[in-house]
Amino acid sequence: MIDVDGVLGAMRPAGARGAANPTPTGFEWHMHAHHMTPSQVGDLAKAAEVKRVVITHFAPNPTGPEQARRYLDAIHTQFPGGVQLGADLGRY
């Protein structure tokens, strides 16, 4: 799972942030084609009718509780079940 817009925005030069790029680069295409957004994770979990989701591969890693909460809230917009962000050596 990845915050595609956040990652791409952080990679743009400061003056270009927020500017739309009508032609995606190869990297941008890759990010959209091969990674799920948090809301897509929620859609998939809802469609699969699972009770709980543990996210074990996500980027960027949350740097604080606010960013972790944004991920969880975005998933919960689509999926009402339990959601956890996994941790190394965690047991679920």
Protein backbone atom coordinates (compact mmCIF):
# COMPACT_ATOMS: atom_id res chain seq x y z
CA MET A 1 0.00 0.00 0.00
CA ILE A 2 1.32 3.41 -0.81
CA ASP A 3 0.33 7.04 -0.55
CA VAL A 4 1.08 7.58 -4.24
CA ASP A 5 0.21 11.28 -4.30
CA GLY A 6 2.21 11.93 -1.13
CA VAL A 7 5.28 10.10 -2.40
CA LEU A 8 5.20 11.77 -5.80
CA GLY A 9 4.56 15.18 -4.24
CA ALA A 10 7.54 14.80 -1.92
CA MET A 11 9.75 13.89 -4.87
CA ARG A 12 8.89 16.99 -6.91
CA PRO A 13 11.04 20.10 -6.55
CA ALA A 14 9.59 22.57 -4.03
CA GLY A 15 8.45 25.00 -6.77
CA ALA A 16 6.68 22.26 -8.71
CA ARG A 17 4.71 20.75 -5.81
CA GLY A 18 1.03 20.77 -6.49
CA ALA A 19 1.58 21.23 -10.21
CA ALA A 20 -0.24 18.65 -12.27
CA ASN A 21 1.83 16.50 -14.60
CA PRO A 22 -0.43 15.61 -17.55
CA THR A 23 2.01 12.97 -18.80
CA PRO A 24 3.01 10.53 -16.09
CA THR A 25 6.62 9.45 -15.96
CA GLY A 26 7.54 5.77 -15.97
CA PHE A 27 7.93 5.91 -12.21
CA GLU A 28 4.53 7.53 -11.74
CA TRP A 29 2.95 4.90 -13.97
CA HIS A 30 4.65 2.16 -11.96
CA MET A 31 3.43 3.60 -8.67
CA HIS A 32 -0.20 3.71 -9.84
CA ALA A 33 -0.11 0.38 -11.70
CA HIS A 34 1.65 -1.77 -9.10
CA HIS A 35 0.68 -0.33 -5.72
CA MET A 36 -2.67 0.02 -3.99
CA THR A 37 -3.79 3.19 -2.28
CA PRO A 38 -5.28 2.97 1.21
CA SER A 39 -8.82 3.39 -0.15
CA GLN A 40 -8.19 0.59 -2.67
CA VAL A 41 -7.10 -1.64 0.22
CA GLY A 42 -10.40 -0.82 1.90
CA ASP A 43 -12.33 -1.63 -1.30
CA LEU A 44 -10.58 -4.99 -1.63
CA ALA A 45 -11.08 -5.91 2.03
CA LYS A 46 -14.78 -5.04 1.81
CA ALA A 47 -15.25 -7.04 -1.40
CA ALA A 48 -13.44 -10.03 0.13
CA GLU A 49 -15.68 -9.81 3.21
CA VAL A 50 -12.76 -10.21 5.58
CA LYS A 51 -13.06 -9.23 9.24
CA ARG A 52 -9.60 -7.75 9.66
CA VAL A 53 -6.70 -6.40 7.60
CA VAL A 54 -3.04 -6.15 8.59
CA ILE A 55 -0.98 -3.96 6.27
CA THR A 56 2.58 -5.27 6.11
CA HIS A 57 4.03 -3.40 3.13
CA PHE A 58 3.39 0.32 3.01
CA ALA A 59 5.16 3.48 2.02
CA PRO A 60 6.08 5.87 3.26
CA ASN A 61 6.38 4.43 6.74
CA PRO A 62 4.36 6.51 9.19
CA THR A 63 6.59 8.99 10.97
CA GLY A 64 4.04 9.61 13.68
CA PRO A 65 0.54 8.79 14.86
CA GLU A 66 -1.04 11.40 12.57
CA GLN A 67 0.24 9.75 9.40
CA ALA A 68 -0.72 6.28 10.67
CA ARG A 69 -4.21 7.61 11.45
CA ARG A 70 -4.53 9.02 7.90
CA TYR A 71 -3.78 5.57 6.47
CA LEU A 72 -6.27 3.87 8.78
CA ASP A 73 -8.96 6.50 8.18
CA ALA A 74 -8.56 6.19 4.40
CA ILE A 75 -8.99 2.41 4.61
CA HIS A 76 -11.98 2.79 6.92
CA THR A 77 -13.79 5.01 4.40
CA GLN A 78 -14.37 1.79 2.45
CA PHE A 79 -13.97 -0.99 5.03
CA PRO A 80 -15.66 -1.11 8.45
CA GLY A 81 -13.58 -3.97 9.90
CA GLY A 82 -10.41 -3.95 11.95
CA VAL A 83 -7.24 -2.55 10.40
CA GLN A 84 -3.68 -2.59 11.73
CA LEU A 85 -0.40 -1.36 10.35
CA GLY A 86 2.00 -4.25 10.81
CA ALA A 87 5.34 -4.01 12.53
CA ASP A 88 8.51 -6.02 12.04
CA LEU A 89 8.33 -9.28 14.00
CA GLY A 90 4.69 -8.59 14.86
CA ARG A 91 2.26 -11.45 15.49
CA TYR A 92 -1.27 -11.11 14.17
